[in-house]
Amino acid sequence: MAPAFRSEAQERAFWEAHDSTDYVDWTHAPSVRLPNLKPSTQTISLRLPVGLLERIKVEANRRDMPYQSLIKAWLADQVGRPRA
């Protein structure tokens, strides 16, 4: 059983130094779904040739999605592919 803590800072320090599996039987923990949790993002600036950006926007319009989302999907797909 985990010890009692006098403050959140004390608890944070404890869990940074200890493995929770020594104190909690995770096999009995209920499953949790967080459907509205969004991954953190970072804004970047990316310079693209005007013609390329226009072609991307046309393709995004054809797919009925924002062009930024299409760029992210393409990047995720390419980064996830194994390299030869």
PDB file of N, CA and C in Angstrom:
ATOM      1  N   MET A   1       0.843  -1.181   0.000  1.00  0.00           N
ATOM      2  CA  MET A   1       0.000   0.000   0.000  1.00  0.00           C
ATOM      3  C   MET A   1       0.886   1.241   0.000  1.00  0.00           C
ATOM      4  N   ALA A   2       0.512   2.221  -0.799  1.00  0.00           N
ATOM      5  CA  ALA A   2       1.296   3.452  -0.904  1.00  0.00           C
ATOM      6  C   ALA A   2       1.175   4.255   0.385  1.00  0.00           C
ATOM      7  N   PRO A   3       2.227   4.967   0.756  1.00  0.00           N
ATOM      8  CA  PRO A   3       2.171   5.779   1.977  1.00  0.00           C
ATOM      9  C   PRO A   3       1.238   6.981   1.810  1.00  0.00           C
ATOM     10  N   ALA A   4       0.844   7.561   2.937  1.00  0.00           N
ATOM     11  CA  ALA A   4       0.041   8.790   2.907  1.00  0.00           C
ATOM     12  C   ALA A   4       0.990   9.966   2.654  1.00  0.00           C
ATOM     13  N   PHE A   5       0.511  10.949   1.930  1.00  0.00           N
ATOM     14  CA  PHE A   5       1.341  12.107   1.596  1.00  0.00           C
ATOM     15  C   PHE A   5       0.747  13.368   2.205  1.00  0.00           C
ATOM     16  N   ARG A   6       1.633  14.256   2.637  1.00  0.00           N
ATOM     17  CA  ARG A   6       1.177  15.516   3.230  1.00  0.00           C
ATOM     18  C   ARG A   6       0.957  16.604   2.182  1.00  0.00           C
ATOM     19  N   SER A   7       1.524  16.405   0.995  1.00  0.00           N
ATOM     20  CA  SER A   7       1.367  17.418  -0.055  1.00  0.00           C
ATOM     21  C   SER A   7       1.503  16.757  -1.419  1.00  0.00           C
ATOM     22  N   GLU A   8       1.051  17.452  -2.432  1.00  0.00           N
ATOM     23  CA  GLU A   8       1.189  16.940  -3.798  1.00  0.00           C
ATOM     24  C   GLU A   8       2.654  16.867  -4.189  1.00  0.00           C
ATOM     25  N   ALA A   9       3.449  17.825  -3.731  1.00  0.00           N
ATOM     26  CA  ALA A   9       4.880  17.818  -4.042  1.00  0.00           C
ATOM     27  C   ALA A   9       5.555  16.581  -3.455  1.00  0.00           C
ATOM     28  N   GLN A  10       5.178  16.217  -2.230  1.00  0.00           N
ATOM     29  CA  GLN A  10       5.739  15.025  -1.595  1.00  0.00           C
ATOM     30  C   GLN A  10       5.335  13.770  -2.364  1.00  0.00           C
ATOM     31  N   GLU A  11       4.078  13.713  -2.792  1.00  0.00           N
ATOM     32  CA  GLU A  11       3.613  12.566  -3.563  1.00  0.00           C
ATOM     33  C   GLU A  11       4.333  12.480  -4.907  1.00  0.00           C
ATOM     34  N   ARG A  12       4.486  13.616  -5.570  1.00  0.00           N
ATOM     35  CA  ARG A  12       5.174  13.637  -6.862  1.00  0.00           C
ATOM     36  C   ARG A  12       6.606  13.131  -6.710  1.00  0.00           C
ATOM     37  N   ALA A  13       7.301  13.593  -5.688  1.00  0.00           N
ATOM     38  CA  ALA A  13       8.683  13.159  -5.460  1.00  0.00           C
ATOM     39  C   ALA A  13       8.749  11.660  -5.191  1.00  0.00           C
ATOM     40  N   PHE A  14       7.777  11.154  -4.441  1.00  0.00           N
ATOM     41  CA  PHE A  14       7.749   9.723  -4.146  1.00  0.00           C
ATOM     42  C   PHE A  14       7.593   8.910  -5.424  1.00  0.00           C
ATOM     43  N   TRP A  15       6.597   9.262  -6.275  1.00  0.00           N
ATOM     44  CA  TRP A  15       6.336   8.462  -7.462  1.00  0.00           C
ATOM     45  C   TRP A  15       7.421   8.618  -8.516  1.00  0.00           C
ATOM     46  N   GLU A  16       8.163   9.703  -8.471  1.00  0.00           N
ATOM     47  CA  GLU A  16       9.298   9.845  -9.390  1.00  0.00           C
ATOM     48  C   GLU A  16      10.420   8.876  -9.043  1.00  0.00           C
ATOM     49  N   ALA A  17      10.455   8.445  -7.777  1.00  0.00           N
ATOM     50  CA  ALA A  17      11.538   7.577  -7.321  1.00  0.00           C
ATOM     51  C   ALA A  17      11.104   6.119  -7.119  1.00  0.00           C
ATOM     52  N   HIS A  18       9.805   5.824  -7.245  1.00  0.00           N
ATOM     53  CA  HIS A  18       9.309   4.477  -6.984  1.00  0.00           C
ATOM     54  C   HIS A  18       8.462   3.963  -8.142  1.00  0.00           C
ATOM     55  N   ASP A  19       8.464   2.653  -8.314  1.00  0.00           N
ATOM     56  CA  ASP A  19       7.658   2.001  -9.345  1.00  0.00           C
ATOM     57  C   ASP A  19       6.277   1.701  -8.778  1.00  0.00           C
ATOM     58  N   SER A  20       5.236   2.142  -9.460  1.00  0.00           N
ATOM     59  CA  SER A  20       3.870   1.948  -8.957  1.00  0.00           C
ATOM     60  C   SER A  20       3.480   0.478  -8.867  1.00  0.00           C
ATOM     61  N   THR A  21       4.121  -0.397  -9.642  1.00  0.00           N
ATOM     62  CA  THR A  21       3.759  -1.819  -9.593  1.00  0.00           C
ATOM     63  C   THR A  21       4.131  -2.458  -8.254  1.00  0.00           C
ATOM     64  N   ASP A  22       4.989  -1.786  -7.480  1.00  0.00           N
ATOM     65  CA  ASP A  22       5.298  -2.272  -6.135  1.00  0.00           C
ATOM     66  C   ASP A  22       4.166  -1.962  -5.156  1.00  0.00           C
ATOM     67  N   TYR A  23       3.244  -1.096  -5.541  1.00  0.00           N
ATOM     68  CA  TYR A  23       2.194  -0.630  -4.631  1.00  0.00           C
ATOM     69  C   TYR A  23       0.773  -0.853  -5.157  1.00  0.00           C
ATOM     70  N   VAL A  24       0.642  -1.049  -6.449  1.00  0.00           N
ATOM     71  CA  VAL A  24      -0.685  -1.168  -7.053  1.00  0.00           C
ATOM     72  C   VAL A  24      -0.736  -2.423  -7.915  1.00  0.00           C
ATOM     73  N   ASP A  25      -1.791  -3.188  -7.780  1.00  0.00           N
ATOM     74  CA  ASP A  25      -1.996  -4.347  -8.645  1.00  0.00           C
ATOM     75  C   ASP A  25      -2.806  -3.876  -9.849  1.00  0.00           C
ATOM     76  N   TRP A  26      -2.107  -3.523 -10.916  1.00  0.00           N
ATOM     77  CA  TRP A  26      -2.754  -2.937 -12.099  1.00  0.00           C
ATOM     78  C   TRP A  26      -3.641  -3.934 -12.834  1.00  0.00           C
ATOM     79  N   THR A  27      -3.527  -5.239 -12.527  1.00  0.00           N
ATOM     80  CA  THR A  27      -4.393  -6.208 -13.204  1.00  0.00           C
ATOM     81  C   THR A  27      -5.852  -6.058 -12.764  1.00  0.00           C
ATOM     82  N   HIS A  28      -6.079  -5.397 -11.650  1.00  0.00           N
ATOM     83  CA  HIS A  28      -7.439  -5.177 -11.163  1.00  0.00           C
ATOM     84  C   HIS A  28      -7.934  -3.752 -11.431  1.00  0.00           C
ATOM     85  N   ALA A  29      -7.136  -2.968 -12.082  1.00  0.00           N
ATOM     86  CA  ALA A  29      -7.525  -1.581 -12.367  1.00  0.00           C
ATOM     87  C   ALA A  29      -8.550  -1.553 -13.504  1.00  0.00           C
ATOM     88  N   PRO A  30      -9.573  -0.711 -13.377  1.00  0.00           N
ATOM     89  CA  PRO A  30     -10.560  -0.620 -14.457  1.00  0.00           C
ATOM     90  C   PRO A  30      -9.963   0.071 -15.683  1.00  0.00           C
ATOM     91  N   SER A  31     -10.452  -0.294 -16.850  1.00  0.00           N
ATOM     92  CA  SER A  31     -10.029   0.373 -18.083  1.00  0.00           C
ATOM     93  C   SER A  31     -10.648   1.763 -18.127  1.00  0.00           C
ATOM     94  N   VAL A  32      -9.898   2.697 -18.631  1.00  0.00           N
ATOM     95  CA  VAL A  32     -10.370   4.075 -18.723  1.00  0.00           C
ATOM     96  C   VAL A  32     -10.260   4.525 -20.165  1.00  0.00           C
ATOM     97  N   ARG A  33     -11.284   5.188 -20.644  1.00  0.00           N
ATOM     98  CA  ARG A  33     -11.261   5.770 -21.994  1.00  0.00           C
ATOM     99  C   ARG A  33     -11.297   7.279 -21.849  1.00  0.00           C
ATOM    100  N   LEU A  34     -10.462   7.953 -22.593  1.00  0.00           N
ATOM    101  CA  LEU A  34     -10.412   9.410 -22.591  1.00  0.00           C
ATOM    102  C   LEU A  34     -10.622   9.901 -24.021  1.00  0.00           C
ATOM    103  N   PRO A  35     -11.862   9.849 -24.506  1.00  0.00           N
ATOM    104  CA  PRO A  35     -12.111  10.138 -25.916  1.00  0.00           C
ATOM    105  C   PRO A  35     -11.843  11.589 -26.313  1.00  0.00           C
ATOM    106  N   ASN A  36     -11.881  12.501 -25.372  1.00  0.00           N
ATOM    107  CA  ASN A  36     -11.680  13.912 -25.718  1.00  0.00           C
ATOM    108  C   ASN A  36     -10.257  14.391 -25.479  1.00  0.00           C
ATOM    109  N   LEU A  37      -9.371  13.480 -25.077  1.00  0.00           N
ATOM    110  CA  LEU A  37      -7.989  13.842 -24.834  1.00  0.00           C
ATOM    111  C   LEU A  37      -7.290  14.053 -26.165  1.00  0.00           C
ATOM    112  N   LYS A  38      -6.694  15.202 -26.307  1.00  0.00           N
ATOM    113  CA  LYS A  38      -6.008  15.519 -27.565  1.00  0.00           C
ATOM    114  C   LYS A  38      -4.511  15.586 -27.317  1.00  0.00           C
ATOM    115  N   PRO A  39      -3.723  15.049 -28.241  1.00  0.00           N
ATOM    116  CA  PRO A  39      -2.280  15.127 -28.055  1.00  0.00           C
ATOM    117  C   PRO A  39      -1.811  16.570 -28.091  1.00  0.00           C
ATOM    118  N   SER A  40      -0.780  16.861 -27.334  1.00  0.00           N
ATOM    119  CA  SER A  40      -0.260  18.221 -27.346  1.00  0.00           C
ATOM    120  C   SER A  40       0.388  18.489 -28.704  1.00  0.00           C
ATOM    121  N   THR A  41       0.298  19.705 -29.121  1.00  0.00           N
ATOM    122  CA  THR A  41       0.850  20.096 -30.415  1.00  0.00           C
ATOM    123  C   THR A  41       1.766  21.303 -30.246  1.00  0.00           C
ATOM    124  N   GLN A  42       2.560  21.546 -31.251  1.00  0.00           N
ATOM    125  CA  GLN A  42       3.432  22.701 -31.260  1.00  0.00           C
ATOM    126  C   GLN A  42       3.293  23.375 -32.616  1.00  0.00           C
ATOM    127  N   THR A  43       3.137  24.660 -32.589  1.00  0.00           N
ATOM    128  CA  THR A  43       3.021  25.418 -33.825  1.00  0.00           C
ATOM    129  C   THR A  43       4.405  25.600 -34.443  1.00  0.00           C
ATOM    130  N   ILE A  44       4.470  25.366 -35.752  1.00  0.00           N
ATOM    131  CA  ILE A  44       5.721  25.591 -36.476  1.00  0.00           C
ATOM    132  C   ILE A  44       5.436  26.504 -37.667  1.00  0.00           C
ATOM    133  N   SER A  45       6.483  27.057 -38.196  1.00  0.00           N
ATOM    134  CA  SER A  45       6.370  27.856 -39.409  1.00  0.00           C
ATOM    135  C   SER A  45       7.075  27.083 -40.519  1.00  0.00           C
ATOM    136  N   LEU A  46       6.385  26.908 -41.620  1.00  0.00           N
ATOM    137  CA  LEU A  46       6.931  26.131 -42.728  1.00  0.00           C
ATOM    138  C   LEU A  46       6.727  26.922 -44.013  1.00  0.00           C
ATOM    139  N   ARG A  47       7.800  27.235 -44.673  1.00  0.00           N
ATOM    140  CA  ARG A  47       7.698  27.978 -45.931  1.00  0.00           C
ATOM    141  C   ARG A  47       7.590  26.986 -47.087  1.00  0.00           C
ATOM    142  N   LEU A  48       6.522  27.155 -47.874  1.00  0.00           N
ATOM    143  CA  LEU A  48       6.299  26.304 -49.036  1.00  0.00           C
ATOM    144  C   LEU A  48       6.166  27.179 -50.268  1.00  0.00           C
ATOM    145  N   PRO A  49       6.597  26.679 -51.418  1.00  0.00           N
ATOM    146  CA  PRO A  49       6.351  27.416 -52.655  1.00  0.00           C
ATOM    147  C   PRO A  49       4.839  27.573 -52.844  1.00  0.00           C
ATOM    148  N   VAL A  50       4.429  28.729 -53.349  1.00  0.00           N
ATOM    149  CA  VAL A  50       3.008  29.036 -53.506  1.00  0.00           C
ATOM    150  C   VAL A  50       2.301  27.965 -54.328  1.00  0.00           C
ATOM    151  N   GLY A  51       2.921  27.532 -55.405  1.00  0.00           N
ATOM    152  CA  GLY A  51       2.292  26.514 -56.252  1.00  0.00           C
ATOM    153  C   GLY A  51       2.059  25.204 -55.519  1.00  0.00           C
ATOM    154  N   LEU A  52       3.021  24.796 -54.695  1.00  0.00           N
ATOM    155  CA  LEU A  52       2.878  23.563 -53.924  1.00  0.00           C
ATOM    156  C   LEU A  52       1.740  23.696 -52.920  1.00  0.00           C
ATOM    157  N   LEU A  53       1.693  24.817 -52.221  1.00  0.00           N
ATOM    158  CA  LEU A  53       0.622  25.021 -51.245  1.00  0.00           C
ATOM    159  C   LEU A  53      -0.741  25.024 -51.926  1.00  0.00           C
ATOM    160  N   GLU A  54      -0.838  25.617 -53.089  1.00  0.00           N
ATOM    161  CA  GLU A  54      -2.113  25.627 -53.813  1.00  0.00           C
ATOM    162  C   GLU A  54      -2.525  24.212 -54.219  1.00  0.00           C
ATOM    163  N   ARG A  55      -1.560  23.399 -54.659  1.00  0.00           N
ATOM    164  CA  ARG A  55      -1.884  22.013 -55.020  1.00  0.00           C
ATOM    165  C   ARG A  55      -2.334  21.222 -53.794  1.00  0.00           C
ATOM    166  N   ILE A  56      -1.695  21.470 -52.656  1.00  0.00           N
ATOM    167  CA  ILE A  56      -2.098  20.804 -51.412  1.00  0.00           C
ATOM    168  C   ILE A  56      -3.512  21.220 -51.038  1.00  0.00           C
ATOM    169  N   LYS A  57      -3.815  22.492 -51.160  1.00  0.00           N
ATOM    170  CA  LYS A  57      -5.157  22.982 -50.822  1.00  0.00           C
ATOM    171  C   LYS A  57      -6.218  22.381 -51.741  1.00  0.00           C
ATOM    172  N   VAL A  58      -5.894  22.243 -53.025  1.00  0.00           N
ATOM    173  CA  VAL A  58      -6.827  21.624 -53.971  1.00  0.00           C
ATOM    174  C   VAL A  58      -7.086  20.173 -53.566  1.00  0.00           C
ATOM    175  N   GLU A  59      -6.004  19.439 -53.228  1.00  0.00           N
ATOM    176  CA  GLU A  59      -6.156  18.045 -52.813  1.00  0.00           C
ATOM    177  C   GLU A  59      -6.953  17.944 -51.514  1.00  0.00           C
ATOM    178  N   ALA A  60      -6.687  18.844 -50.578  1.00  0.00           N
ATOM    179  CA  ALA A  60      -7.433  18.832 -49.313  1.00  0.00           C
ATOM    180  C   ALA A  60      -8.905  19.120 -49.566  1.00  0.00           C
ATOM    181  N   ASN A  61      -9.186  20.051 -50.453  1.00  0.00           N
ATOM    182  CA  ASN A  61     -10.575  20.374 -50.795  1.00  0.00           C
ATOM    183  C   ASN A  61     -11.261  19.169 -51.434  1.00  0.00           C
ATOM    184  N   ARG A  62     -10.545  18.473 -52.289  1.00  0.00           N
ATOM    185  CA  ARG A  62     -11.093  17.281 -52.920  1.00  0.00           C
ATOM    186  C   ARG A  62     -11.447  16.219 -51.883  1.00  0.00           C
ATOM    187  N   ARG A  63     -10.639  16.148 -50.812  1.00  0.00           N
ATOM    188  CA  ARG A  63     -10.891  15.182 -49.732  1.00  0.00           C
ATOM    189  C   ARG A  63     -11.799  15.748 -48.634  1.00  0.00           C
ATOM    190  N   ASP A  64     -12.210  16.984 -48.794  1.00  0.00           N
ATOM    191  CA  ASP A  64     -13.083  17.656 -47.829  1.00  0.00           C
ATOM    192  C   ASP A  64     -12.471  17.675 -46.432  1.00  0.00           C
ATOM    193  N   MET A  65     -11.218  18.166 -46.379  1.00  0.00           N
ATOM    194  CA  MET A  65     -10.541  18.288 -45.094  1.00  0.00           C
ATOM    195  C   MET A  65      -9.655  19.526 -45.115  1.00  0.00           C
ATOM    196  N   PRO A  66      -9.347  20.101 -43.954  1.00  0.00           N
ATOM    197  CA  PRO A  66      -8.444  21.251 -43.922  1.00  0.00           C
ATOM    198  C   PRO A  66      -7.060  20.870 -44.449  1.00  0.00           C
ATOM    199  N   TYR A  67      -6.437  21.790 -45.147  1.00  0.00           N
ATOM    200  CA  TYR A  67      -5.145  21.458 -45.754  1.00  0.00           C
ATOM    201  C   TYR A  67      -4.081  21.167 -44.700  1.00  0.00           C
ATOM    202  N   GLN A  68      -4.157  21.826 -43.523  1.00  0.00           N
ATOM    203  CA  GLN A  68      -3.181  21.538 -42.467  1.00  0.00           C
ATOM    204  C   GLN A  68      -3.322  20.093 -41.988  1.00  0.00           C
ATOM    205  N   SER A  69      -4.557  19.615 -41.896  1.00  0.00           N
ATOM    206  CA  SER A  69      -4.792  18.231 -41.474  1.00  0.00           C
ATOM    207  C   SER A  69      -4.253  17.253 -42.507  1.00  0.00           C
ATOM    208  N   LEU A  70      -4.404  17.582 -43.769  1.00  0.00           N
ATOM    209  CA  LEU A  70      -3.882  16.721 -44.827  1.00  0.00           C
ATOM    210  C   LEU A  70      -2.356  16.654 -44.760  1.00  0.00           C
ATOM    211  N   ILE A  71      -1.719  17.787 -44.553  1.00  0.00           N
ATOM    212  CA  ILE A  71      -0.256  17.807 -44.433  1.00  0.00           C
ATOM    213  C   ILE A  71       0.181  16.947 -43.255  1.00  0.00           C
ATOM    214  N   LYS A  72      -0.508  17.076 -42.100  1.00  0.00           N
ATOM    215  CA  LYS A  72      -0.162  16.268 -40.923  1.00  0.00           C
ATOM    216  C   LYS A  72      -0.353  14.784 -41.209  1.00  0.00           C
ATOM    217  N   ALA A  73      -1.427  14.433 -41.893  1.00  0.00           N
ATOM    218  CA  ALA A  73      -1.675  13.024 -42.211  1.00  0.00           C
ATOM    219  C   ALA A  73      -0.582  12.480 -43.123  1.00  0.00           C
ATOM    220  N   TRP A  74      -0.215  13.251 -44.134  1.00  0.00           N
ATOM    221  CA  TRP A  74       0.848  12.813 -45.035  1.00  0.00           C
ATOM    222  C   TRP A  74       2.173  12.648 -44.291  1.00  0.00           C
ATOM    223  N   LEU A  75       2.505  13.612 -43.438  1.00  0.00           N
ATOM    224  CA  LEU A  75       3.757  13.522 -42.684  1.00  0.00           C
ATOM    225  C   LEU A  75       3.760  12.308 -41.759  1.00  0.00           C
ATOM    226  N   ALA A  76       2.655  12.093 -41.045  1.00  0.00           N
ATOM    227  CA  ALA A  76       2.574  10.948 -40.142  1.00  0.00           C
ATOM    228  C   ALA A  76       2.725   9.648 -40.910  1.00  0.00           C
ATOM    229  N   ASP A  77       2.110   9.568 -42.084  1.00  0.00           N
ATOM    230  CA  ASP A  77       2.194   8.363 -42.899  1.00  0.00           C
ATOM    231  C   ASP A  77       3.639   8.120 -43.338  1.00  0.00           C
ATOM    232  N   GLN A  78       4.313   9.143 -43.780  1.00  0.00           N
ATOM    233  CA  GLN A  78       5.682   8.983 -44.266  1.00  0.00           C
ATOM    234  C   GLN A  78       6.656   8.682 -43.149  1.00  0.00           C
ATOM    235  N   VAL A  79       6.498   9.333 -42.007  1.00  0.00           N
ATOM    236  CA  VAL A  79       7.406   9.099 -40.897  1.00  0.00           C
ATOM    237  C   VAL A  79       7.209   7.699 -40.331  1.00  0.00           C
ATOM    238  N   GLY A  80       5.992   7.186 -40.411  1.00  0.00           N
ATOM    239  CA  GLY A  80       5.693   5.856 -39.883  1.00  0.00           C
ATOM    240  C   GLY A  80       6.139   4.710 -40.774  1.00  0.00           C
ATOM    241  N   ARG A  81       6.484   4.994 -42.001  1.00  0.00           N
ATOM    242  CA  ARG A  81       6.888   3.930 -42.933  1.00  0.00           C
ATOM    243  C   ARG A  81       8.315   3.504 -42.683  1.00  0.00           C
ATOM    244  N   PRO A  82       8.547   2.189 -42.747  1.00  0.00           N
ATOM    245  CA  PRO A  82       9.925   1.713 -42.590  1.00  0.00           C
ATOM    246  C   PRO A  82      10.774   2.148 -43.786  1.00  0.00           C
ATOM    247  N   ARG A  83      12.000   2.454 -43.526  1.00  0.00           N
ATOM    248  CA  ARG A  83      12.934   2.880 -44.578  1.00  0.00           C
ATOM    249  C   ARG A  83      13.760   1.700 -45.045  1.00  0.00           C
ATOM    250  N   ALA A  84      14.045   1.679 -46.333  1.00  0.00           N
ATOM    251  CA  ALA A  84      14.850   0.589 -46.908  1.00  0.00           C
ATOM    252  C   ALA A  84      16.325   0.821 -46.660  1.00  0.00           C
TER     253      ALA A  84
END
